[in-house]
Amino acid sequence: MDLELSTFGVAELIRDVEHRMAPVAITKGLQLAVEVEEIPVVTADRQKIEQVIANLVSNAFKFTPSGGRVTISAREGDGVL
């Protein structure tokens, strides 16, 4: 697997996922919320991390009944995201 490392803000990445997934939430009758603290930048493969988060949100949509809420949250704790 080839990795394309870059430095990016996690909060920005999560907000990008939110904007991409919001229309899906609406069609499924779900609320999509984001609770993200300001987190230092990271160096990683942004596209792959974004794909992982989008997949987790998509799975949450599948198992959340209509009218429910899916929350994406991230915070730093002891140097770990």
C-alpha atoms as a PDB file:
ATOM      1  CA  MET A   1       0.000   0.000   0.000  1.00  0.00           C
ATOM      2  CA  ASP A   2       1.418   3.364  -1.015  1.00  0.00           C
ATOM      3  CA  LEU A   3       0.966   6.210   1.442  1.00  0.00           C
ATOM      4  CA  GLU A   4       0.876   9.846   0.415  1.00  0.00           C
ATOM      5  CA  LEU A   5       1.859  11.629   3.590  1.00  0.00           C
ATOM      6  CA  SER A   6       0.894  15.235   4.168  1.00  0.00           C
ATOM      7  CA  THR A   7       0.380  17.492   7.136  1.00  0.00           C
ATOM      8  CA  PHE A   8      -3.222  18.546   7.800  1.00  0.00           C
ATOM      9  CA  GLY A   9      -5.641  19.570  10.491  1.00  0.00           C
ATOM     10  CA  VAL A  10      -7.865  16.805  11.829  1.00  0.00           C
ATOM     11  CA  ALA A  11     -10.725  19.218  12.551  1.00  0.00           C
ATOM     12  CA  GLU A  12     -10.723  20.381   8.936  1.00  0.00           C
ATOM     13  CA  LEU A  13     -10.725  16.794   7.671  1.00  0.00           C
ATOM     14  CA  ILE A  14     -13.694  15.897   9.884  1.00  0.00           C
ATOM     15  CA  ARG A  15     -15.605  18.957   8.709  1.00  0.00           C
ATOM     16  CA  ASP A  16     -14.930  17.880   5.111  1.00  0.00           C
ATOM     17  CA  VAL A  17     -16.390  14.453   5.903  1.00  0.00           C
ATOM     18  CA  GLU A  18     -19.384  16.154   7.534  1.00  0.00           C
ATOM     19  CA  HIS A  19     -20.073  18.219   4.413  1.00  0.00           C
ATOM     20  CA  ARG A  20     -19.729  15.155   2.193  1.00  0.00           C
ATOM     21  CA  MET A  21     -21.975  12.955   4.347  1.00  0.00           C
ATOM     22  CA  ALA A  22     -24.631  15.534   5.332  1.00  0.00           C
ATOM     23  CA  PRO A  23     -26.810  14.931   2.234  1.00  0.00           C
ATOM     24  CA  VAL A  24     -26.820  11.197   2.970  1.00  0.00           C
ATOM     25  CA  ALA A  25     -27.887  11.857   6.562  1.00  0.00           C
ATOM     26  CA  ILE A  26     -30.763  14.024   5.368  1.00  0.00           C
ATOM     27  CA  THR A  27     -32.045  11.378   2.957  1.00  0.00           C
ATOM     28  CA  LYS A  28     -31.947   8.793   5.756  1.00  0.00           C
ATOM     29  CA  GLY A  29     -33.768  11.092   8.180  1.00  0.00           C
ATOM     30  CA  LEU A  30     -30.747  11.388  10.477  1.00  0.00           C
ATOM     31  CA  GLN A  31     -29.016  14.254  12.196  1.00  0.00           C
ATOM     32  CA  LEU A  32     -25.269  14.496  11.670  1.00  0.00           C
ATOM     33  CA  ALA A  33     -23.357  16.406  14.334  1.00  0.00           C
ATOM     34  CA  VAL A  34     -19.690  17.216  14.763  1.00  0.00           C
ATOM     35  CA  GLU A  35     -17.953  17.803  18.084  1.00  0.00           C
ATOM     36  CA  VAL A  36     -14.315  18.516  17.377  1.00  0.00           C
ATOM     37  CA  GLU A  37     -11.839  20.303  19.567  1.00  0.00           C
ATOM     38  CA  GLU A  38      -8.952  22.122  17.973  1.00  0.00           C
ATOM     39  CA  ILE A  39      -6.413  19.395  17.480  1.00  0.00           C
ATOM     40  CA  PRO A  40      -2.812  19.941  16.382  1.00  0.00           C
ATOM     41  CA  VAL A  41      -1.957  19.054  12.830  1.00  0.00           C
ATOM     42  CA  VAL A  42      -0.926  15.500  12.008  1.00  0.00           C
ATOM     43  CA  THR A  43       1.169  13.896   9.323  1.00  0.00           C
ATOM     44  CA  ALA A  44      -0.630  11.008   7.652  1.00  0.00           C
ATOM     45  CA  ASP A  45      -2.252   9.944   4.399  1.00  0.00           C
ATOM     46  CA  ARG A  46      -5.171  12.387   4.415  1.00  0.00           C
ATOM     47  CA  GLN A  47      -7.203  10.563   1.790  1.00  0.00           C
ATOM     48  CA  LYS A  48      -6.983   7.233   3.620  1.00  0.00           C
ATOM     49  CA  ILE A  49      -7.858   8.768   7.005  1.00  0.00           C
ATOM     50  CA  GLU A  50     -10.807  10.567   5.409  1.00  0.00           C
ATOM     51  CA  GLN A  51     -11.956   7.277   3.852  1.00  0.00           C
ATOM     52  CA  VAL A  52     -11.795   5.507   7.231  1.00  0.00           C
ATOM     53  CA  ILE A  53     -13.864   8.212   8.935  1.00  0.00           C
ATOM     54  CA  ALA A  54     -16.398   8.293   6.084  1.00  0.00           C
ATOM     55  CA  ASN A  55     -16.740   4.491   6.295  1.00  0.00           C
ATOM     56  CA  LEU A  56     -17.357   4.667  10.047  1.00  0.00           C
ATOM     57  CA  VAL A  57     -20.009   7.352   9.525  1.00  0.00           C
ATOM     58  CA  SER A  58     -21.605   5.327   6.729  1.00  0.00           C
ATOM     59  CA  ASN A  59     -21.790   2.276   9.021  1.00  0.00           C
ATOM     60  CA  ALA A  60     -23.324   4.419  11.761  1.00  0.00           C
ATOM     61  CA  PHE A  61     -25.962   5.582   9.267  1.00  0.00           C
ATOM     62  CA  LYS A  62     -26.811   1.960   8.440  1.00  0.00           C
ATOM     63  CA  PHE A  63     -27.443   1.033  12.062  1.00  0.00           C
ATOM     64  CA  THR A  64     -29.109   4.228  13.312  1.00  0.00           C
ATOM     65  CA  PRO A  65     -32.895   4.341  12.984  1.00  0.00           C
ATOM     66  CA  SER A  66     -34.558   7.223  11.181  1.00  0.00           C
ATOM     67  CA  GLY A  67     -34.843  10.238  13.451  1.00  0.00           C
ATOM     68  CA  GLY A  68     -31.591   9.328  15.184  1.00  0.00           C
ATOM     69  CA  ARG A  69     -28.359  11.233  15.519  1.00  0.00           C
ATOM     70  CA  VAL A  70     -24.823  10.337  14.468  1.00  0.00           C
ATOM     71  CA  THR A  71     -22.010  12.353  16.032  1.00  0.00           C
ATOM     72  CA  ILE A  72     -18.461  12.575  14.766  1.00  0.00           C
ATOM     73  CA  SER A  73     -16.208  13.633  17.607  1.00  0.00           C
ATOM     74  CA  ALA A  74     -12.487  13.987  18.048  1.00  0.00           C
ATOM     75  CA  ARG A  75     -10.289  15.252  20.810  1.00  0.00           C
ATOM     76  CA  GLU A  76      -6.704  14.958  21.857  1.00  0.00           C
ATOM     77  CA  GLY A  77      -5.990  13.019  25.008  1.00  0.00           C
ATOM     78  CA  ASP A  78      -2.505  12.420  26.373  1.00  0.00           C
ATOM     79  CA  GLY A  79      -0.993  13.053  22.939  1.00  0.00           C
ATOM     80  CA  VAL A  80      -3.259  10.494  21.262  1.00  0.00           C
ATOM     81  CA  LEU A  81      -6.142  11.258  18.916  1.00  0.00           C
END
